[in-house]
Amino acid sequence: MHIYGLALTGFEDATTRQLAALLSEPGAEPRHWRLTGEAEADVVMVDADTLGGHMTWLKLVGAGRITVACSATPVRPEATSGTLHLCLPATADSLGAVLAHARAKLQPAASAIPAQPTTGAPAAASHVPSAGAPKRVCDLLLDDAGLPLRIEAGERSIVIDPQLDRWYGENALKPLTALLHSPAHAAMTPDPAALTAARAGTGQPLARLRWFAALLADPGALPQGARAESRLRLTRWPEIEREFPRHFRIASALLRHPATVAEIAEQTGVEPNDVADFARAAQARGMLEVLPPAAAPDAAQPMLAARR
């Protein structure tokens, strides 16, 4: 049995002792872990409720480390596609569950990308950044990070508020391209006054910004589980952004009948990379189905028809 290293960073002494006590209890999951220093740890648990802890969390995420953000504020479920979360005070069950998810991320077999189901409603795909690539703000968004963030790039800034499922900033998406391509460490914890001021506005659905992040994250890459010969199909009509008029043609073609990226590009006159980007963003919203290649025609059928 492999034993993984776990580091506890930024916690008050009482919380550290409580987590250590939970790890020492008998159970299926604690036996896989031992407490160790941050540098050699396989997984780092961070107190994300403090400014210093939140900065440490951002730094570790940006470096590609597997982290668990611990907070007394309820956030999204622990099993997200990116950073894991643990609600404090922890229980033996909640700690065991989040560590089981962390251990799954450390096992190669668990990290393989599953193929999309060919029947039933499609699921929203998890985001898998390119191997070795530093994380960017768009990756943080697709990892479903559950803590408020403020990102600035040049004269532009936005506040991401997962706890209310909103984001605050200018309405147009394209001007935010450089901001979403910023390195993950550019994301800062908004001070309480700034977050309160942002929440005084109406904001916009966070799903819209995540859609744009998926569109930008891996230019030209196929949707997860898809190959060049895979057929793609939209399961419902998406909201088309005015800034992307070509998406209307792509969406119309993908709703008509399943087709490959190359076929959709030929039908619509749109570049294949643009089709792939749209499909990938639709997949992130859970509205794209990836189907197997069309069956090759039976070469014997024309001959039989000719004999008749």
C-alpha atoms as a PDB file:
ATOM      1  CA  MET A   1       0.000   0.000   0.000  1.00  0.00           C
ATOM      2  CA  HIS A   2       1.372   3.386  -0.981  1.00  0.00           C
ATOM      3  CA  ILE A   3       1.518   6.094   1.693  1.00  0.00           C
ATOM      4  CA  TYR A   4       1.042   9.689   0.530  1.00  0.00           C
ATOM      5  CA  GLY A   5       2.423  12.815   2.170  1.00  0.00           C
ATOM      6  CA  LEU A   6       0.004  15.454   3.459  1.00  0.00           C
ATOM      7  CA  ALA A   7       0.966  18.952   4.633  1.00  0.00           C
ATOM      8  CA  LEU A   8      -1.150  21.288   6.777  1.00  0.00           C
ATOM      9  CA  THR A   9      -0.375  24.930   6.042  1.00  0.00           C
ATOM     10  CA  GLY A  10      -1.524  28.181   7.644  1.00  0.00           C
ATOM     11  CA  PHE A  11      -3.874  26.735  10.248  1.00  0.00           C
ATOM     12  CA  GLU A  12      -4.249  27.821  13.837  1.00  0.00           C
ATOM     13  CA  ASP A  13      -2.757  25.333  16.273  1.00  0.00           C
ATOM     14  CA  ALA A  14      -6.169  24.098  17.429  1.00  0.00           C
ATOM     15  CA  THR A  15      -7.270  23.321  13.875  1.00  0.00           C
ATOM     16  CA  THR A  16      -3.953  21.610  13.102  1.00  0.00           C
ATOM     17  CA  ARG A  17      -4.358  19.407  16.179  1.00  0.00           C
ATOM     18  CA  GLN A  18      -7.957  18.570  15.238  1.00  0.00           C
ATOM     19  CA  LEU A  19      -7.038  17.566  11.676  1.00  0.00           C
ATOM     20  CA  ALA A  20      -4.056  15.547  12.914  1.00  0.00           C
ATOM     21  CA  ALA A  21      -6.326  13.765  15.399  1.00  0.00           C
ATOM     22  CA  LEU A  22      -8.775  12.856  12.630  1.00  0.00           C
ATOM     23  CA  LEU A  23      -5.905  11.441  10.589  1.00  0.00           C
ATOM     24  CA  SER A  24      -4.815   9.273  13.507  1.00  0.00           C
ATOM     25  CA  GLU A  25      -8.238   7.669  13.862  1.00  0.00           C
ATOM     26  CA  PRO A  26      -8.649   4.150  12.473  1.00  0.00           C
ATOM     27  CA  GLY A  27     -10.295   4.052   9.094  1.00  0.00           C
ATOM     28  CA  ALA A  28      -9.844   3.118   5.468  1.00  0.00           C
ATOM     29  CA  GLU A  29      -8.648   6.516   4.257  1.00  0.00           C
ATOM     30  CA  PRO A  30      -6.273   7.791   7.011  1.00  0.00           C
ATOM     31  CA  ARG A  31      -4.041   4.735   6.574  1.00  0.00           C
ATOM     32  CA  HIS A  32      -3.040   6.063   3.142  1.00  0.00           C
ATOM     33  CA  TRP A  33      -1.609   9.310   4.562  1.00  0.00           C
ATOM     34  CA  ARG A  34       1.162  10.657   6.774  1.00  0.00           C
ATOM     35  CA  LEU A  35       1.808  14.235   7.805  1.00  0.00           C
ATOM     36  CA  THR A  36       4.876  15.794   6.228  1.00  0.00           C
ATOM     37  CA  GLY A  37       6.383  19.137   5.243  1.00  0.00           C
ATOM     38  CA  GLU A  38       4.929  21.264   2.455  1.00  0.00           C
ATOM     39  CA  ALA A  39       7.905  20.862   0.101  1.00  0.00           C
ATOM     40  CA  GLU A  40       7.739  17.050  -0.026  1.00  0.00           C
ATOM     41  CA  ALA A  41       3.960  16.654   0.371  1.00  0.00           C
ATOM     42  CA  ASP A  42       1.850  15.046  -2.318  1.00  0.00           C
ATOM     43  CA  VAL A  43      -1.140  17.107  -1.202  1.00  0.00           C
ATOM     44  CA  VAL A  44      -1.241  20.386   0.725  1.00  0.00           C
ATOM     45  CA  MET A  45      -4.193  21.448   2.866  1.00  0.00           C
ATOM     46  CA  VAL A  46      -4.384  25.228   3.264  1.00  0.00           C
ATOM     47  CA  ASP A  47      -6.411  27.491   5.531  1.00  0.00           C
ATOM     48  CA  ALA A  48      -7.960  29.634   2.789  1.00  0.00           C
ATOM     49  CA  ASP A  49      -9.839  31.910   5.218  1.00  0.00           C
ATOM     50  CA  THR A  50      -6.741  34.007   5.953  1.00  0.00           C
ATOM     51  CA  LEU A  51      -5.085  36.386   3.507  1.00  0.00           C
ATOM     52  CA  GLY A  52      -1.728  34.623   3.828  1.00  0.00           C
ATOM     53  CA  GLY A  53      -3.327  31.211   3.444  1.00  0.00           C
ATOM     54  CA  HIS A  54      -5.287  32.295   0.393  1.00  0.00           C
ATOM     55  CA  MET A  55      -2.110  33.631  -1.233  1.00  0.00           C
ATOM     56  CA  THR A  56      -0.371  30.334  -0.458  1.00  0.00           C
ATOM     57  CA  TRP A  57      -3.271  28.447  -2.035  1.00  0.00           C
ATOM     58  CA  LEU A  58      -3.053  30.537  -5.223  1.00  0.00           C
ATOM     59  CA  LYS A  59       0.710  30.012  -5.386  1.00  0.00           C
ATOM     60  CA  LEU A  60       0.387  26.240  -4.999  1.00  0.00           C
ATOM     61  CA  VAL A  61      -2.434  26.002  -7.539  1.00  0.00           C
ATOM     62  CA  GLY A  62      -0.417  28.084  -9.992  1.00  0.00           C
ATOM     63  CA  ALA A  63       2.495  25.690  -9.549  1.00  0.00           C
ATOM     64  CA  GLY A  64       0.268  22.721 -10.375  1.00  0.00           C
ATOM     65  CA  ARG A  65       0.253  21.274  -6.835  1.00  0.00           C
ATOM     66  CA  ILE A  66      -2.749  19.277  -5.618  1.00  0.00           C
ATOM     67  CA  THR A  67      -4.310  21.362  -2.858  1.00  0.00           C
ATOM     68  CA  VAL A  68      -7.274  21.299  -0.516  1.00  0.00           C
ATOM     69  CA  ALA A  69      -8.693  24.748   0.246  1.00  0.00           C
ATOM     70  CA  CYS A  70     -10.137  24.683   3.770  1.00  0.00           C
ATOM     71  CA  SER A  71     -12.742  27.267   4.720  1.00  0.00           C
ATOM     72  CA  ALA A  72     -15.441  27.829   7.305  1.00  0.00           C
ATOM     73  CA  THR A  73     -17.594  29.254   4.482  1.00  0.00           C
ATOM     74  CA  PRO A  74     -19.506  26.541   2.591  1.00  0.00           C
ATOM     75  CA  VAL A  75     -18.348  26.262  -1.013  1.00  0.00           C
ATOM     76  CA  ARG A  76     -19.022  23.943  -3.921  1.00  0.00           C
ATOM     77  CA  PRO A  77     -18.787  20.167  -3.391  1.00  0.00           C
ATOM     78  CA  GLU A  78     -15.386  18.773  -2.523  1.00  0.00           C
ATOM     79  CA  ALA A  79     -15.136  16.616  -5.645  1.00  0.00           C
ATOM     80  CA  THR A  80     -14.532  19.260  -8.299  1.00  0.00           C
ATOM     81  CA  SER A  81     -12.401  18.884 -11.386  1.00  0.00           C
ATOM     82  CA  GLY A  82      -9.672  21.094  -9.970  1.00  0.00           C
ATOM     83  CA  THR A  83      -8.903  22.339  -6.467  1.00  0.00           C
ATOM     84  CA  LEU A  84     -10.531  20.356  -3.681  1.00  0.00           C
ATOM     85  CA  HIS A  85     -12.385  21.956  -0.782  1.00  0.00           C
ATOM     86  CA  LEU A  86     -12.990  21.045   2.846  1.00  0.00           C
ATOM     87  CA  CYS A  87     -15.532  22.829   5.019  1.00  0.00           C
ATOM     88  CA  LEU A  88     -14.283  23.577   8.564  1.00  0.00           C
ATOM     89  CA  PRO A  89     -14.631  22.305  11.187  1.00  0.00           C
ATOM     90  CA  ALA A  90     -13.882  19.006   9.501  1.00  0.00           C
ATOM     91  CA  THR A  91     -15.363  15.659  10.456  1.00  0.00           C
ATOM     92  CA  ALA A  92     -13.849  12.236   9.960  1.00  0.00           C
ATOM     93  CA  ASP A  93     -16.239  11.633   7.064  1.00  0.00           C
ATOM     94  CA  SER A  94     -15.649  14.959   5.292  1.00  0.00           C
ATOM     95  CA  LEU A  95     -11.874  14.708   5.679  1.00  0.00           C
ATOM     96  CA  GLY A  96     -11.862  11.110   4.474  1.00  0.00           C
ATOM     97  CA  ALA A  97     -13.977  12.012   1.442  1.00  0.00           C
ATOM     98  CA  VAL A  98     -11.765  14.881   0.300  1.00  0.00           C
ATOM     99  CA  LEU A  99      -8.579  12.865   0.830  1.00  0.00           C
ATOM    100  CA  ALA A 100     -10.048   9.994  -1.184  1.00  0.00           C
ATOM    101  CA  HIS A 101     -10.615  12.434  -4.073  1.00  0.00           C
ATOM    102  CA  ALA A 102      -7.087  13.777  -3.664  1.00  0.00           C
ATOM    103  CA  ARG A 103      -5.654  10.262  -3.722  1.00  0.00           C
ATOM    104  CA  ALA A 104      -7.596   9.527  -6.921  1.00  0.00           C
ATOM    105  CA  LYS A 105      -5.886  12.521  -8.544  1.00  0.00           C
ATOM    106  CA  LEU A 106      -2.498  11.073  -7.578  1.00  0.00           C
ATOM    107  CA  GLN A 107      -3.167   7.693  -9.184  1.00  0.00           C
ATOM    108  CA  PRO A 108      -2.451   7.567 -12.940  1.00  0.00           C
ATOM    109  CA  ALA A 109      -5.410   5.323 -13.681  1.00  0.00           C
ATOM    110  CA  ALA A 110      -7.758   7.852 -12.135  1.00  0.00           C
ATOM    111  CA  SER A 111      -6.409  10.731 -14.188  1.00  0.00           C
ATOM    112  CA  ALA A 112      -7.284   9.238 -17.573  1.00  0.00           C
ATOM    113  CA  ILE A 113      -9.954  11.168 -19.472  1.00  0.00           C
ATOM    114  CA  PRO A 114     -13.088   9.057 -19.795  1.00  0.00           C
ATOM    115  CA  ALA A 115     -14.856   8.915 -23.119  1.00  0.00           C
ATOM    116  CA  GLN A 116     -18.158  10.759 -23.352  1.00  0.00           C
ATOM    117  CA  PRO A 117     -21.193   8.496 -23.073  1.00  0.00           C
ATOM    118  CA  THR A 118     -22.916   7.767 -26.345  1.00  0.00           C
ATOM    119  CA  THR A 119     -26.383   7.745 -24.818  1.00  0.00           C
ATOM    120  CA  GLY A 120     -28.164   9.829 -22.242  1.00  0.00           C
ATOM    121  CA  ALA A 121     -27.563  13.441 -21.282  1.00  0.00           C
ATOM    122  CA  PRO A 122     -23.956  14.606 -21.637  1.00  0.00           C
ATOM    123  CA  ALA A 123     -22.067  15.678 -18.557  1.00  0.00           C
ATOM    124  CA  ALA A 124     -20.064  18.861 -18.228  1.00  0.00           C
ATOM    125  CA  ALA A 125     -16.445  17.982 -18.898  1.00  0.00           C
ATOM    126  CA  SER A 126     -13.625  18.538 -16.451  1.00  0.00           C
ATOM    127  CA  HIS A 127     -10.730  20.683 -17.570  1.00  0.00           C
ATOM    128  CA  VAL A 128      -7.311  19.091 -18.075  1.00  0.00           C
ATOM    129  CA  PRO A 129      -4.583  21.702 -18.700  1.00  0.00           C
ATOM    130  CA  SER A 130      -1.649  20.827 -20.925  1.00  0.00           C
ATOM    131  CA  ALA A 131       0.974  18.808 -19.055  1.00  0.00           C
ATOM    132  CA  GLY A 132       3.570  21.028 -17.417  1.00  0.00           C
ATOM    133  CA  ALA A 133       1.831  24.254 -18.422  1.00  0.00           C
ATOM    134  CA  PRO A 134       1.524  26.872 -15.659  1.00  0.00           C
ATOM    135  CA  LYS A 135      -2.021  27.489 -14.566  1.00  0.00           C
ATOM    136  CA  ARG A 136      -3.830  30.597 -15.754  1.00  0.00           C
ATOM    137  CA  VAL A 137      -6.907  32.437 -14.543  1.00  0.00           C
ATOM    138  CA  CYS A 138      -9.032  30.596 -17.140  1.00  0.00           C
ATOM    139  CA  ASP A 139      -7.817  27.294 -15.667  1.00  0.00           C
ATOM    140  CA  LEU A 140      -8.847  28.433 -12.174  1.00  0.00           C
ATOM    141  CA  LEU A 141     -12.319  29.219 -13.486  1.00  0.00           C
ATOM    142  CA  LEU A 142     -12.665  25.820 -15.143  1.00  0.00           C
ATOM    143  CA  ASP A 143     -11.362  24.099 -12.028  1.00  0.00           C
ATOM    144  CA  ASP A 144     -14.441  25.508 -10.285  1.00  0.00           C
ATOM    145  CA  ALA A 145     -12.465  27.261  -7.545  1.00  0.00           C
ATOM    146  CA  GLY A 146     -14.937  28.074  -4.781  1.00  0.00           C
ATOM    147  CA  LEU A 147     -13.365  31.173  -3.216  1.00  0.00           C
ATOM    148  CA  PRO A 148     -13.812  34.847  -4.228  1.00  0.00           C
ATOM    149  CA  LEU A 149     -11.029  36.231  -6.432  1.00  0.00           C
ATOM    150  CA  ARG A 150     -10.107  39.611  -7.876  1.00  0.00           C
ATOM    151  CA  ILE A 151      -8.109  39.651 -11.111  1.00  0.00           C
ATOM    152  CA  GLU A 152      -6.494  42.719 -12.641  1.00  0.00           C
ATOM    153  CA  ALA A 153      -4.732  43.075 -15.999  1.00  0.00           C
ATOM    154  CA  GLY A 154      -3.841  46.539 -17.185  1.00  0.00           C
ATOM    155  CA  GLU A 155      -6.837  48.822 -16.672  1.00  0.00           C
ATOM    156  CA  ARG A 156      -9.329  45.970 -16.437  1.00  0.00           C
ATOM    157  CA  SER A 157     -10.404  44.043 -13.370  1.00  0.00           C
ATOM    158  CA  ILE A 158     -13.134  41.587 -12.442  1.00  0.00           C
ATOM    159  CA  VAL A 159     -14.311  39.990  -9.218  1.00  0.00           C
ATOM    160  CA  ILE A 160     -15.252  36.307  -9.299  1.00  0.00           C
ATOM    161  CA  ASP A 161     -17.770  35.353  -6.618  1.00  0.00           C
ATOM    162  CA  PRO A 162     -18.442  31.578  -6.697  1.00  0.00           C
ATOM    163  CA  GLN A 163     -20.312  31.737  -3.401  1.00  0.00           C
ATOM    164  CA  LEU A 164     -23.075  33.739  -5.121  1.00  0.00           C
ATOM    165  CA  ASP A 165     -22.389  32.194  -8.545  1.00  0.00           C
ATOM    166  CA  ARG A 166     -21.740  35.662 -10.000  1.00  0.00           C
ATOM    167  CA  TRP A 167     -18.929  37.724 -11.493  1.00  0.00           C
ATOM    168  CA  TYR A 168     -18.629  41.493 -11.571  1.00  0.00           C
ATOM    169  CA  GLY A 169     -17.014  43.520 -14.337  1.00  0.00           C
ATOM    170  CA  GLU A 170     -17.697  44.911 -17.786  1.00  0.00           C
ATOM    171  CA  ASN A 171     -20.337  43.185 -19.863  1.00  0.00           C
ATOM    172  CA  ALA A 172     -18.253  42.373 -22.988  1.00  0.00           C
ATOM    173  CA  LEU A 173     -16.242  39.144 -22.964  1.00  0.00           C
ATOM    174  CA  LYS A 174     -13.588  39.627 -25.650  1.00  0.00           C
ATOM    175  CA  PRO A 175     -11.868  42.528 -23.827  1.00  0.00           C
ATOM    176  CA  LEU A 176     -11.270  40.089 -20.926  1.00  0.00           C
ATOM    177  CA  THR A 177      -9.118  37.753 -23.043  1.00  0.00           C
ATOM    178  CA  ALA A 178      -5.763  38.983 -21.718  1.00  0.00           C
ATOM    179  CA  LEU A 179      -7.107  38.970 -18.168  1.00  0.00           C
ATOM    180  CA  LEU A 180      -8.203  35.323 -18.375  1.00  0.00           C
ATOM    181  CA  HIS A 181      -4.835  34.370 -19.875  1.00  0.00           C
ATOM    182  CA  SER A 182      -3.045  35.933 -16.878  1.00  0.00           C
ATOM    183  CA  PRO A 183      -1.094  33.508 -14.657  1.00  0.00           C
ATOM    184  CA  ALA A 184      -3.030  32.086 -11.741  1.00  0.00           C
ATOM    185  CA  HIS A 185      -0.962  34.036  -9.222  1.00  0.00           C
ATOM    186  CA  ALA A 186      -2.455  37.254 -10.653  1.00  0.00           C
ATOM    187  CA  ALA A 187      -5.671  36.322  -8.859  1.00  0.00           C
ATOM    188  CA  MET A 188      -5.907  38.020  -5.481  1.00  0.00           C
ATOM    189  CA  THR A 189      -8.254  37.743  -2.539  1.00  0.00           C
ATOM    190  CA  PRO A 190     -10.602  40.751  -2.591  1.00  0.00           C
ATOM    191  CA  ASP A 191     -10.732  42.595   0.705  1.00  0.00           C
ATOM    192  CA  PRO A 192     -14.156  42.483   2.407  1.00  0.00           C
ATOM    193  CA  ALA A 193     -14.991  46.078   1.471  1.00  0.00           C
ATOM    194  CA  ALA A 194     -14.220  45.463  -2.211  1.00  0.00           C
ATOM    195  CA  LEU A 195     -16.272  42.258  -2.244  1.00  0.00           C
ATOM    196  CA  THR A 196     -19.205  44.009  -0.564  1.00  0.00           C
ATOM    197  CA  ALA A 197     -18.996  46.860  -3.076  1.00  0.00           C
ATOM    198  CA  ALA A 198     -18.945  44.401  -5.987  1.00  0.00           C
ATOM    199  CA  ARG A 199     -21.951  42.530  -4.613  1.00  0.00           C
ATOM    200  CA  ALA A 200     -23.889  45.790  -4.503  1.00  0.00           C
ATOM    201  CA  GLY A 201     -24.069  45.528  -8.298  1.00  0.00           C
ATOM    202  CA  THR A 202     -26.167  42.997 -10.163  1.00  0.00           C
ATOM    203  CA  GLY A 203     -23.263  41.007 -11.576  1.00  0.00           C
ATOM    204  CA  GLN A 204     -23.586  38.311 -14.217  1.00  0.00           C
ATOM    205  CA  PRO A 205     -23.918  34.519 -14.125  1.00  0.00           C
ATOM    206  CA  LEU A 206     -20.559  32.879 -13.505  1.00  0.00           C
ATOM    207  CA  ALA A 207     -21.464  30.213 -16.067  1.00  0.00           C
ATOM    208  CA  ARG A 208     -21.117  32.827 -18.815  1.00  0.00           C
ATOM    209  CA  LEU A 209     -17.534  33.647 -17.803  1.00  0.00           C
ATOM    210  CA  ARG A 210     -16.679  29.953 -17.460  1.00  0.00           C
ATOM    211  CA  TRP A 211     -18.013  29.373 -20.971  1.00  0.00           C
ATOM    212  CA  PHE A 212     -15.640  32.050 -22.265  1.00  0.00           C
ATOM    213  CA  ALA A 213     -12.777  30.543 -20.243  1.00  0.00           C
ATOM    214  CA  ALA A 214     -13.414  27.171 -21.897  1.00  0.00           C
ATOM    215  CA  LEU A 215     -13.441  28.848 -25.302  1.00  0.00           C
ATOM    216  CA  LEU A 216      -9.985  30.346 -24.607  1.00  0.00           C
ATOM    217  CA  ALA A 217      -8.282  27.644 -22.578  1.00  0.00           C
ATOM    218  CA  ASP A 218      -6.977  25.252 -25.265  1.00  0.00           C
ATOM    219  CA  PRO A 219      -7.246  26.882 -28.722  1.00  0.00           C
ATOM    220  CA  GLY A 220      -7.973  24.342 -31.459  1.00  0.00           C
ATOM    221  CA  ALA A 221      -8.163  21.369 -29.077  1.00  0.00           C
ATOM    222  CA  LEU A 222     -10.935  18.837 -29.574  1.00  0.00           C
ATOM    223  CA  PRO A 223     -13.528  18.299 -26.826  1.00  0.00           C
ATOM    224  CA  GLN A 224     -12.543  15.761 -24.208  1.00  0.00           C
ATOM    225  CA  GLY A 225     -13.195  12.194 -25.279  1.00  0.00           C
ATOM    226  CA  ALA A 226     -13.330  13.194 -28.959  1.00  0.00           C
ATOM    227  CA  ARG A 227     -11.083  12.274 -31.872  1.00  0.00           C
ATOM    228  CA  ALA A 228     -10.934  13.803 -35.321  1.00  0.00           C
ATOM    229  CA  GLU A 229     -13.418  11.202 -36.621  1.00  0.00           C
ATOM    230  CA  SER A 230     -15.829  11.539 -33.660  1.00  0.00           C
ATOM    231  CA  ARG A 231     -19.224  13.036 -34.390  1.00  0.00           C
ATOM    232  CA  LEU A 232     -20.434  15.927 -32.242  1.00  0.00           C
ATOM    233  CA  ARG A 233     -23.977  16.982 -31.455  1.00  0.00           C
ATOM    234  CA  LEU A 234     -25.531  19.787 -29.425  1.00  0.00           C
ATOM    235  CA  THR A 235     -28.240  18.596 -27.075  1.00  0.00           C
ATOM    236  CA  ARG A 236     -29.910  22.002 -26.769  1.00  0.00           C
ATOM    237  CA  TRP A 237     -29.638  25.475 -28.222  1.00  0.00           C
ATOM    238  CA  PRO A 238     -27.010  27.576 -26.423  1.00  0.00           C
ATOM    239  CA  GLU A 239     -27.174  31.279 -25.741  1.00  0.00           C
ATOM    240  CA  ILE A 240     -25.155  32.850 -28.560  1.00  0.00           C
ATOM    241  CA  GLU A 241     -22.942  35.781 -27.614  1.00  0.00           C
ATOM    242  CA  ARG A 242     -23.217  38.792 -29.919  1.00  0.00           C
ATOM    243  CA  GLU A 243     -19.417  39.024 -29.989  1.00  0.00           C
ATOM    244  CA  PHE A 244     -19.240  35.653 -31.741  1.00  0.00           C
ATOM    245  CA  PRO A 245     -21.708  35.775 -34.683  1.00  0.00           C
ATOM    246  CA  ARG A 246     -20.128  32.726 -36.369  1.00  0.00           C
ATOM    247  CA  HIS A 247     -21.247  30.619 -33.417  1.00  0.00           C
ATOM    248  CA  PHE A 248     -24.827  30.841 -34.706  1.00  0.00           C
ATOM    249  CA  ARG A 249     -23.837  28.901 -37.829  1.00  0.00           C
ATOM    250  CA  ILE A 250     -21.834  26.354 -35.864  1.00  0.00           C
ATOM    251  CA  ALA A 251     -24.630  25.767 -33.346  1.00  0.00           C
ATOM    252  CA  SER A 252     -27.234  25.405 -36.108  1.00  0.00           C
ATOM    253  CA  ALA A 253     -25.123  22.758 -37.857  1.00  0.00           C
ATOM    254  CA  LEU A 254     -24.405  20.845 -34.632  1.00  0.00           C
ATOM    255  CA  LEU A 255     -28.110  20.734 -33.793  1.00  0.00           C
ATOM    256  CA  ARG A 256     -29.156  19.443 -37.224  1.00  0.00           C
ATOM    257  CA  HIS A 257     -27.255  16.174 -37.130  1.00  0.00           C
ATOM    258  CA  PRO A 258     -24.080  14.720 -35.592  1.00  0.00           C
ATOM    259  CA  ALA A 259     -20.939  15.550 -37.594  1.00  0.00           C
ATOM    260  CA  THR A 260     -17.176  15.764 -37.236  1.00  0.00           C
ATOM    261  CA  VAL A 261     -15.333  19.034 -36.694  1.00  0.00           C
ATOM    262  CA  ALA A 262     -14.103  18.937 -40.298  1.00  0.00           C
ATOM    263  CA  GLU A 263     -17.616  18.364 -41.630  1.00  0.00           C
ATOM    264  CA  ILE A 264     -19.061  21.226 -39.590  1.00  0.00           C
ATOM    265  CA  ALA A 265     -16.265  23.508 -40.767  1.00  0.00           C
ATOM    266  CA  GLU A 266     -16.989  22.627 -44.394  1.00  0.00           C
ATOM    267  CA  GLN A 267     -20.744  23.111 -43.985  1.00  0.00           C
ATOM    268  CA  THR A 268     -20.452  26.491 -42.261  1.00  0.00           C
ATOM    269  CA  GLY A 269     -17.350  27.975 -43.868  1.00  0.00           C
ATOM    270  CA  VAL A 270     -15.817  28.418 -40.421  1.00  0.00           C
ATOM    271  CA  GLU A 271     -12.241  27.446 -39.541  1.00  0.00           C
ATOM    272  CA  PRO A 272     -11.968  23.974 -37.914  1.00  0.00           C
ATOM    273  CA  ASN A 273     -10.219  25.478 -34.882  1.00  0.00           C
ATOM    274  CA  ASP A 274     -13.205  27.767 -34.282  1.00  0.00           C
ATOM    275  CA  VAL A 275     -15.575  24.794 -34.498  1.00  0.00           C
ATOM    276  CA  ALA A 276     -13.446  22.840 -32.016  1.00  0.00           C
ATOM    277  CA  ASP A 277     -13.309  25.798 -29.612  1.00  0.00           C
ATOM    278  CA  PHE A 278     -17.086  26.255 -29.732  1.00  0.00           C
ATOM    279  CA  ALA A 279     -17.662  22.520 -29.196  1.00  0.00           C
ATOM    280  CA  ARG A 280     -15.241  22.461 -26.262  1.00  0.00           C
ATOM    281  CA  ALA A 281     -16.989  25.440 -24.638  1.00  0.00           C
ATOM    282  CA  ALA A 282     -20.383  23.772 -25.183  1.00  0.00           C
ATOM    283  CA  GLN A 283     -19.024  20.610 -23.579  1.00  0.00           C
ATOM    284  CA  ALA A 284     -17.956  22.623 -20.525  1.00  0.00           C
ATOM    285  CA  ARG A 285     -21.595  23.717 -20.202  1.00  0.00           C
ATOM    286  CA  GLY A 286     -22.841  20.123 -20.450  1.00  0.00           C
ATOM    287  CA  MET A 287     -24.633  20.569 -23.781  1.00  0.00           C
ATOM    288  CA  LEU A 288     -22.399  18.606 -26.171  1.00  0.00           C
ATOM    289  CA  GLU A 289     -22.595  14.889 -26.916  1.00  0.00           C
ATOM    290  CA  VAL A 290     -19.576  13.063 -28.362  1.00  0.00           C
ATOM    291  CA  LEU A 291     -20.628  10.151 -30.572  1.00  0.00           C
ATOM    292  CA  PRO A 292     -18.545   7.404 -32.196  1.00  0.00           C
ATOM    293  CA  PRO A 293     -17.562   7.725 -35.863  1.00  0.00           C
ATOM    294  CA  ALA A 294     -20.216   6.957 -38.440  1.00  0.00           C
ATOM    295  CA  ALA A 295     -20.218   3.347 -39.575  1.00  0.00           C
ATOM    296  CA  ALA A 296     -18.386   2.801 -42.835  1.00  0.00           C
ATOM    297  CA  PRO A 297     -20.730   1.885 -45.709  1.00  0.00           C
ATOM    298  CA  ASP A 298     -20.821  -1.794 -46.571  1.00  0.00           C
ATOM    299  CA  ALA A 299     -18.935  -2.156 -49.856  1.00  0.00           C
ATOM    300  CA  ALA A 300     -21.038  -5.201 -50.763  1.00  0.00           C
ATOM    301  CA  GLN A 301     -24.322  -3.260 -50.809  1.00  0.00           C
ATOM    302  CA  PRO A 302     -23.765  -1.412 -54.124  1.00  0.00           C
ATOM    303  CA  MET A 303     -22.792  -4.679 -55.804  1.00  0.00           C
ATOM    304  CA  LEU A 304     -25.931  -6.408 -54.601  1.00  0.00           C
ATOM    305  CA  ALA A 305     -28.055  -3.485 -55.756  1.00  0.00           C
ATOM    306  CA  ALA A 306     -26.400  -3.626 -59.220  1.00  0.00           C
ATOM    307  CA  ARG A 307     -27.193  -7.353 -59.565  1.00  0.00           C
ATOM    308  CA  ARG A 308     -30.848  -6.664 -58.850  1.00  0.00           C
END
